Amino acid sequence: MTRRRRTLEPIVDLATHPRRYVTVRALAAYLDCDARTILRMIYAGALPATRVGRRWRIPVEEARQMLRWPAR
């Protein structure tokens, strides 16, 4: 029995993203990191997000601001 691989969401361009929110997986694909990293940032309060059902949505404006954060 073969397992189905979970397909990644297409990489979004945050500068031209037409919607207000982006998913955790789409942001992780854009930042080239694991989705768990984004979830840890949400749980730590470093990245504001909204829960929609059982999934998290990150406002595109917050994601854009996150990209402007200074590196530690």
PDB file of N, CA and C in Angstrom:
ATOM      1  N   MET A   1       0.840  -1.173   0.000  1.00  0.00           N
ATOM      2  CA  MET A   1       0.000   0.000   0.000  1.00  0.00           C
ATOM      3  C   MET A   1       0.886   1.238   0.000  1.00  0.00           C
ATOM      4  N   THR A   2       0.635   2.144  -0.894  1.00  0.00           N
ATOM      5  CA  THR A   2       1.444   3.361  -0.984  1.00  0.00           C
ATOM      6  C   THR A   2       0.730   4.509  -0.305  1.00  0.00           C
ATOM      7  N   ARG A   3       1.517   5.362   0.272  1.00  0.00           N
ATOM      8  CA  ARG A   3       0.956   6.547   0.925  1.00  0.00           C
ATOM      9  C   ARG A   3       0.922   7.702  -0.063  1.00  0.00           C
ATOM     10  N   ARG A   4      -0.099   8.505   0.075  1.00  0.00           N
ATOM     11  CA  ARG A   4      -0.155   9.715  -0.744  1.00  0.00           C
ATOM     12  C   ARG A   4       0.706  10.776  -0.104  1.00  0.00           C
ATOM     13  N   ARG A   5       1.524  11.402  -0.896  1.00  0.00           N
ATOM     14  CA  ARG A   5       2.340  12.503  -0.386  1.00  0.00           C
ATOM     15  C   ARG A   5       1.489  13.745  -0.314  1.00  0.00           C
ATOM     16  N   ARG A   6       1.675  14.476   0.754  1.00  0.00           N
ATOM     17  CA  ARG A   6       0.958  15.731   0.905  1.00  0.00           C
ATOM     18  C   ARG A   6       1.582  16.746  -0.042  1.00  0.00           C
ATOM     19  N   THR A   7       0.759  17.340  -0.868  1.00  0.00           N
ATOM     20  CA  THR A   7       1.297  18.307  -1.817  1.00  0.00           C
ATOM     21  C   THR A   7       1.450  19.653  -1.128  1.00  0.00           C
ATOM     22  N   LEU A   8       2.527  20.319  -1.435  1.00  0.00           N
ATOM     23  CA  LEU A   8       2.751  21.649  -0.891  1.00  0.00           C
ATOM     24  C   LEU A   8       1.903  22.658  -1.630  1.00  0.00           C
ATOM     25  N   GLU A   9       1.493  23.667  -0.904  1.00  0.00           N
ATOM     26  CA  GLU A   9       0.749  24.734  -1.551  1.00  0.00           C
ATOM     27  C   GLU A   9       1.718  25.527  -2.410  1.00  0.00           C
ATOM     28  N   PRO A  10       1.211  26.114  -3.471  1.00  0.00           N
ATOM     29  CA  PRO A  10       2.115  26.908  -4.312  1.00  0.00           C
ATOM     30  C   PRO A  10       2.698  28.074  -3.528  1.00  0.00           C
ATOM     31  N   ILE A  11       3.915  28.417  -3.838  1.00  0.00           N
ATOM     32  CA  ILE A  11       4.569  29.518  -3.147  1.00  0.00           C
ATOM     33  C   ILE A  11       3.886  30.816  -3.544  1.00  0.00           C
ATOM     34  N   VAL A  12       3.475  31.546  -2.526  1.00  0.00           N
ATOM     35  CA  VAL A  12       2.789  32.810  -2.779  1.00  0.00           C
ATOM     36  C   VAL A  12       3.800  33.945  -2.748  1.00  0.00           C
ATOM     37  N   ASP A  13       3.487  34.989  -3.455  1.00  0.00           N
ATOM     38  CA  ASP A  13       4.289  36.197  -3.395  1.00  0.00           C
ATOM     39  C   ASP A  13       3.556  37.152  -2.474  1.00  0.00           C
ATOM     40  N   LEU A  14       4.121  37.422  -1.329  1.00  0.00           N
ATOM     41  CA  LEU A  14       3.433  38.231  -0.331  1.00  0.00           C
ATOM     42  C   LEU A  14       3.207  39.663  -0.795  1.00  0.00           C
ATOM     43  N   ALA A  15       4.014  40.134  -1.705  1.00  0.00           N
ATOM     44  CA  ALA A  15       3.852  41.507  -2.186  1.00  0.00           C
ATOM     45  C   ALA A  15       2.594  41.661  -3.040  1.00  0.00           C
ATOM     46  N   THR A  16       2.227  40.607  -3.751  1.00  0.00           N
ATOM     47  CA  THR A  16       1.071  40.695  -4.640  1.00  0.00           C
ATOM     48  C   THR A  16      -0.043  39.732  -4.267  1.00  0.00           C
ATOM     49  N   HIS A  17      -0.008  39.178  -3.066  1.00  0.00           N
ATOM     50  CA  HIS A  17      -1.019  38.202  -2.647  1.00  0.00           C
ATOM     51  C   HIS A  17      -2.385  38.878  -2.580  1.00  0.00           C
ATOM     52  N   PRO A  18      -3.391  38.361  -3.300  1.00  0.00           N
ATOM     53  CA  PRO A  18      -4.677  39.050  -3.392  1.00  0.00           C
ATOM     54  C   PRO A  18      -5.583  38.896  -2.167  1.00  0.00           C
ATOM     55  N   ARG A  19      -5.303  37.945  -1.308  1.00  0.00           N
ATOM     56  CA  ARG A  19      -6.186  37.717  -0.169  1.00  0.00           C
ATOM     57  C   ARG A  19      -5.633  38.343   1.098  1.00  0.00           C
ATOM     58  N   ARG A  20      -6.460  38.372   2.132  1.00  0.00           N
ATOM     59  CA  ARG A  20      -6.055  38.975   3.399  1.00  0.00           C
ATOM     60  C   ARG A  20      -5.225  38.037   4.258  1.00  0.00           C
ATOM     61  N   TYR A  21      -5.444  36.728   4.104  1.00  0.00           N
ATOM     62  CA  TYR A  21      -4.783  35.751   4.960  1.00  0.00           C
ATOM     63  C   TYR A  21      -4.005  34.749   4.131  1.00  0.00           C
ATOM     64  N   VAL A  22      -2.978  34.181   4.749  1.00  0.00           N
ATOM     65  CA  VAL A  22      -2.169  33.142   4.122  1.00  0.00           C
ATOM     66  C   VAL A  22      -2.141  31.964   5.096  1.00  0.00           C
ATOM     67  N   THR A  23      -2.057  30.743   4.565  1.00  0.00           N
ATOM     68  CA  THR A  23      -2.041  29.569   5.423  1.00  0.00           C
ATOM     69  C   THR A  23      -0.645  29.337   5.996  1.00  0.00           C
ATOM     70  N   VAL A  24      -0.589  28.510   7.010  1.00  0.00           N
ATOM     71  CA  VAL A  24       0.694  28.179   7.637  1.00  0.00           C
ATOM     72  C   VAL A  24       1.601  27.485   6.631  1.00  0.00           C
ATOM     73  N   ARG A  25       1.051  26.541   5.880  1.00  0.00           N
ATOM     74  CA  ARG A  25       1.872  25.813   4.909  1.00  0.00           C
ATOM     75  C   ARG A  25       2.365  26.704   3.780  1.00  0.00           C
ATOM     76  N   ALA A  26       1.521  27.632   3.325  1.00  0.00           N
ATOM     77  CA  ALA A  26       1.940  28.530   2.243  1.00  0.00           C
ATOM     78  C   ALA A  26       3.053  29.458   2.724  1.00  0.00           C
ATOM     79  N   LEU A  27       2.934  29.971   3.954  1.00  0.00           N
ATOM     80  CA  LEU A  27       3.979  30.838   4.488  1.00  0.00           C
ATOM     81  C   LEU A  27       5.269  30.059   4.718  1.00  0.00           C
ATOM     82  N   ALA A  28       5.145  28.829   5.192  1.00  0.00           N
ATOM     83  CA  ALA A  28       6.333  28.001   5.397  1.00  0.00           C
ATOM     84  C   ALA A  28       7.025  27.700   4.070  1.00  0.00           C
ATOM     85  N   ALA A  29       6.250  27.451   3.035  1.00  0.00           N
ATOM     86  CA  ALA A  29       6.844  27.199   1.721  1.00  0.00           C
ATOM     87  C   ALA A  29       7.525  28.458   1.195  1.00  0.00           C
ATOM     88  N   TYR A  30       6.916  29.607   1.426  1.00  0.00           N
ATOM     89  CA  TYR A  30       7.502  30.872   0.974  1.00  0.00           C
ATOM     90  C   TYR A  30       8.813  31.165   1.690  1.00  0.00           C
ATOM     91  N   LEU A  31       8.845  30.866   3.017  1.00  0.00           N
ATOM     92  CA  LEU A  31      10.050  31.126   3.806  1.00  0.00           C
ATOM     93  C   LEU A  31      11.046  29.972   3.766  1.00  0.00           C
ATOM     94  N   ASP A  32      10.677  28.895   3.078  1.00  0.00           N
ATOM     95  CA  ASP A  32      11.513  27.699   2.977  1.00  0.00           C
ATOM     96  C   ASP A  32      11.872  27.159   4.357  1.00  0.00           C
ATOM     97  N   CYS A  33      10.847  26.981   5.174  1.00  0.00           N
ATOM     98  CA  CYS A  33      11.036  26.380   6.501  1.00  0.00           C
ATOM     99  C   CYS A  33       9.902  25.399   6.739  1.00  0.00           C
ATOM    100  N   ASP A  34       9.940  24.723   7.860  1.00  0.00           N
ATOM    101  CA  ASP A  34       8.916  23.753   8.194  1.00  0.00           C
ATOM    102  C   ASP A  34       7.688  24.459   8.757  1.00  0.00           C
ATOM    103  N   ALA A  35       6.518  23.890   8.532  1.00  0.00           N
ATOM    104  CA  ALA A  35       5.278  24.475   9.047  1.00  0.00           C
ATOM    105  C   ALA A  35       5.282  24.515  10.573  1.00  0.00           C
ATOM    106  N   ARG A  36       5.979  23.565  11.194  1.00  0.00           N
ATOM    107  CA  ARG A  36       6.041  23.571  12.670  1.00  0.00           C
ATOM    108  C   ARG A  36       6.770  24.796  13.195  1.00  0.00           C
ATOM    109  N   THR A  37       7.707  25.326  12.423  1.00  0.00           N
ATOM    110  CA  THR A  37       8.398  26.548  12.821  1.00  0.00           C
ATOM    111  C   THR A  37       7.418  27.715  12.878  1.00  0.00           C
ATOM    112  N   ILE A  38       6.565  27.811  11.883  1.00  0.00           N
ATOM    113  CA  ILE A  38       5.554  28.870  11.856  1.00  0.00           C
ATOM    114  C   ILE A  38       4.591  28.688  13.028  1.00  0.00           C
ATOM    115  N   LEU A  39       4.184  27.451  13.289  1.00  0.00           N
ATOM    116  CA  LEU A  39       3.271  27.189  14.408  1.00  0.00           C
ATOM    117  C   LEU A  39       3.908  27.553  15.748  1.00  0.00           C
ATOM    118  N   ARG A  40       5.198  27.272  15.901  1.00  0.00           N
ATOM    119  CA  ARG A  40       5.882  27.655  17.148  1.00  0.00           C
ATOM    120  C   ARG A  40       5.877  29.165  17.324  1.00  0.00           C
ATOM    121  N   MET A  41       6.077  29.897  16.229  1.00  0.00           N
ATOM    122  CA  MET A  41       6.048  31.359  16.300  1.00  0.00           C
ATOM    123  C   MET A  41       4.651  31.855  16.690  1.00  0.00           C
ATOM    124  N   ILE A  42       3.624  31.191  16.184  1.00  0.00           N
ATOM    125  CA  ILE A  42       2.250  31.562  16.531  1.00  0.00           C
ATOM    126  C   ILE A  42       2.002  31.300  18.011  1.00  0.00           C
ATOM    127  N   TYR A  43       2.368  30.114  18.484  1.00  0.00           N
ATOM    128  CA  TYR A  43       2.134  29.753  19.886  1.00  0.00           C
ATOM    129  C   TYR A  43       2.946  30.625  20.847  1.00  0.00           C
ATOM    130  N   ALA A  44       4.111  31.065  20.407  1.00  0.00           N
ATOM    131  CA  ALA A  44       4.949  31.922  21.253  1.00  0.00           C
ATOM    132  C   ALA A  44       4.458  33.368  21.263  1.00  0.00           C
ATOM    133  N   GLY A  45       3.544  33.694  20.361  1.00  0.00           N
ATOM    134  CA  GLY A  45       3.029  35.050  20.296  1.00  0.00           C
ATOM    135  C   GLY A  45       3.865  35.972  19.426  1.00  0.00           C
ATOM    136  N   ALA A  46       4.839  35.423  18.733  1.00  0.00           N
ATOM    137  CA  ALA A  46       5.701  36.237  17.884  1.00  0.00           C
ATOM    138  C   ALA A  46       5.059  36.544  16.543  1.00  0.00           C
ATOM    139  N   LEU A  47       4.070  35.760  16.148  1.00  0.00           N
ATOM    140  CA  LEU A  47       3.397  35.944  14.875  1.00  0.00           C
ATOM    141  C   LEU A  47       1.893  35.895  15.105  1.00  0.00           C
ATOM    142  N   PRO A  48       1.209  37.019  14.951  1.00  0.00           N
ATOM    143  CA  PRO A  48      -0.241  37.022  15.147  1.00  0.00           C
ATOM    144  C   PRO A  48      -0.941  36.171  14.089  1.00  0.00           C
ATOM    145  N   ALA A  49      -1.928  35.403  14.523  1.00  0.00           N
ATOM    146  CA  ALA A  49      -2.673  34.549  13.609  1.00  0.00           C
ATOM    147  C   ALA A  49      -4.092  34.372  14.138  1.00  0.00           C
ATOM    148  N   THR A  50      -4.961  33.938  13.246  1.00  0.00           N
ATOM    149  CA  THR A  50      -6.352  33.698  13.586  1.00  0.00           C
ATOM    150  C   THR A  50      -6.667  32.240  13.339  1.00  0.00           C
ATOM    151  N   ARG A  51      -7.398  31.662  14.257  1.00  0.00           N
ATOM    152  CA  ARG A  51      -7.782  30.269  14.106  1.00  0.00           C
ATOM    153  C   ARG A  51      -9.103  30.213  13.347  1.00  0.00           C
ATOM    154  N   VAL A  52      -9.134  29.471  12.260  1.00  0.00           N
ATOM    155  CA  VAL A  52     -10.348  29.274  11.473  1.00  0.00           C
ATOM    156  C   VAL A  52     -10.636  27.784  11.488  1.00  0.00           C
ATOM    157  N   GLY A  53     -11.577  27.386  12.297  1.00  0.00           N
ATOM    158  CA  GLY A  53     -11.832  25.959  12.479  1.00  0.00           C
ATOM    159  C   GLY A  53     -10.654  25.340  13.211  1.00  0.00           C
ATOM    160  N   ARG A  54     -10.013  24.372  12.594  1.00  0.00           N
ATOM    161  CA  ARG A  54      -8.846  23.733  13.208  1.00  0.00           C
ATOM    162  C   ARG A  54      -7.544  24.226  12.596  1.00  0.00           C
ATOM    163  N   ARG A  55      -7.616  25.188  11.704  1.00  0.00           N
ATOM    164  CA  ARG A  55      -6.428  25.660  11.003  1.00  0.00           C
ATOM    165  C   ARG A  55      -6.115  27.105  11.355  1.00  0.00           C
ATOM    166  N   TRP A  56      -4.862  27.466  11.172  1.00  0.00           N
ATOM    167  CA  TRP A  56      -4.416  28.821  11.443  1.00  0.00           C
ATOM    168  C   TRP A  56      -4.297  29.597  10.146  1.00  0.00           C
ATOM    169  N   ARG A  57      -4.628  30.873  10.218  1.00  0.00           N
ATOM    170  CA  ARG A  57      -4.442  31.793   9.101  1.00  0.00           C
ATOM    171  C   ARG A  57      -3.650  32.988   9.607  1.00  0.00           C
ATOM    172  N   ILE A  58      -2.675  33.405   8.830  1.00  0.00           N
ATOM    173  CA  ILE A  58      -1.825  34.539   9.205  1.00  0.00           C
ATOM    174  C   ILE A  58      -2.198  35.707   8.295  1.00  0.00           C
ATOM    175  N   PRO A  59      -2.472  36.875   8.872  1.00  0.00           N
ATOM    176  CA  PRO A  59      -2.740  38.036   8.020  1.00  0.00           C
ATOM    177  C   PRO A  59      -1.527  38.344   7.145  1.00  0.00           C
ATOM    178  N   VAL A  60      -1.768  38.648   5.892  1.00  0.00           N
ATOM    179  CA  VAL A  60      -0.684  38.906   4.947  1.00  0.00           C
ATOM    180  C   VAL A  60       0.156  40.096   5.412  1.00  0.00           C
ATOM    181  N   GLU A  61      -0.489  41.115   5.978  1.00  0.00           N
ATOM    182  CA  GLU A  61       0.263  42.275   6.467  1.00  0.00           C
ATOM    183  C   GLU A  61       1.235  41.885   7.575  1.00  0.00           C
ATOM    184  N   GLU A  62       0.834  40.995   8.469  1.00  0.00           N
ATOM    185  CA  GLU A  62       1.726  40.535   9.536  1.00  0.00           C
ATOM    186  C   GLU A  62       2.890  39.732   8.964  1.00  0.00           C
ATOM    187  N   ALA A  63       2.612  38.932   7.943  1.00  0.00           N
ATOM    188  CA  ALA A  63       3.679  38.158   7.309  1.00  0.00           C
ATOM    189  C   ALA A  63       4.681  39.096   6.627  1.00  0.00           C
ATOM    190  N   ARG A  64       4.171  40.156   6.003  1.00  0.00           N
ATOM    191  CA  ARG A  64       5.066  41.127   5.373  1.00  0.00           C
ATOM    192  C   ARG A  64       5.931  41.823   6.419  1.00  0.00           C
ATOM    193  N   GLN A  65       5.322  42.183   7.545  1.00  0.00           N
ATOM    194  CA  GLN A  65       6.090  42.836   8.615  1.00  0.00           C
ATOM    195  C   GLN A  65       7.127  41.891   9.191  1.00  0.00           C
ATOM    196  N   MET A  66       6.794  40.605   9.274  1.00  0.00           N
ATOM    197  CA  MET A  66       7.736  39.631   9.814  1.00  0.00           C
ATOM    198  C   MET A  66       9.000  39.585   8.954  1.00  0.00           C
ATOM    199  N   LEU A  67       8.840  39.752   7.650  1.00  0.00           N
ATOM    200  CA  LEU A  67       9.995  39.723   6.758  1.00  0.00           C
ATOM    201  C   LEU A  67      10.900  40.937   6.948  1.00  0.00           C
ATOM    202  N   ARG A  68      10.356  41.982   7.554  1.00  0.00           N
ATOM    203  CA  ARG A  68      11.161  43.193   7.798  1.00  0.00           C
ATOM    204  C   ARG A  68      11.833  43.186   9.161  1.00  0.00           C
ATOM    205  N   TRP A  69      11.569  42.131   9.986  1.00  0.00           N
ATOM    206  CA  TRP A  69      12.181  42.064  11.314  1.00  0.00           C
ATOM    207  C   TRP A  69      13.696  41.984  11.192  1.00  0.00           C
ATOM    208  N   PRO A  70      14.421  42.623  12.098  1.00  0.00           N
ATOM    209  CA  PRO A  70      15.885  42.461  12.065  1.00  0.00           C
ATOM    210  C   PRO A  70      16.282  41.057  12.531  1.00  0.00           C
ATOM    211  N   ALA A  71      17.280  40.496  11.918  1.00  0.00           N
ATOM    212  CA  ALA A  71      17.764  39.178  12.306  1.00  0.00           C
ATOM    213  C   ALA A  71      18.532  39.269  13.602  1.00  0.00           C
ATOM    214  N   ARG A  72      18.396  38.216  14.422  1.00  0.00           N
ATOM    215  CA  ARG A  72      19.134  38.212  15.695  1.00  0.00           C
ATOM    216  C   ARG A  72      20.469  37.559  15.536  1.00  0.00           C
TER     217      ARG A  72
END
